[in-house]
Amino acid sequence: MMNRKLVAIPILLVFALMLTGFAYAHWSETLTITGTVDTGELDWEFCTPITCLDIEGTNDYGADCEWNNWQGNKDVGGPTELELKDTDGDGDDDTLIVTLVNVYPGYFESITFHVHNNGEVPLEFIKVVINGNEFTSGTPTVFLDLDGDDYDDVKIRYLDNIGAQLHPCDTIEISIWILVLQEAPEGQSLTFTIQLIAENWSP
């Protein structure tokens, strides 16, 4: 007959292991990691200098429909008026307002302006908006009816920098051409706006 003590020992060991396992299953510890991420600011602005061919209004320029332009000596037309405006109240000039004064069909103007990355991250210009007309690639040309008579008054070509990358503190140069068309009104100033849309650049 088996000794009762020998039977009791394995049973006690099983109970001991069960209790140990139960206790082990309930041992736990929580490790918490706290981190802070600082994001940079995406920001840009139009800046000076802004230059025109006919800024003094003393040497008029003409062009044909194919953008072949020349300098004349008619002391009429211009000077072109340029204004930078902050339209969203963030302290940066985001809109260029162009006003053509005393111009006539065939009058040509070329404007060069600058854009500065005053933010903290690289950016890419993805869109140009010319008087509400949006373009996302190429060197777009837009025809504008500026006096609401259903006839186009000016033809504008945006020359470069859609898709251009701009790093913080850097500045790029952008140019546009403007040709006054036959249907432009007499005795009126012609005004339009230029804006750029940018997003953060990532490789």
Foldseek 3Di string as FASTA:
>chain_A
DDDPVVVVVVVVVVVVVVVVVVVVVPDDDDDDDDDDDDDWDWDKAWDDDKDKPCLVQQWWKFADPVRPIDIHGDSFWDDKDWDFDDPPPPPGGFKIKIKTPRDAARTKMKMKTKMAGQIAAKKAWQWKAKQNDIDGDDFDKDFDDQPPPPDTFKIKTWHDRRGPIHGHGDMDMTMMMMGTHHPHDGPDMGMMMMGIDMDGDDD
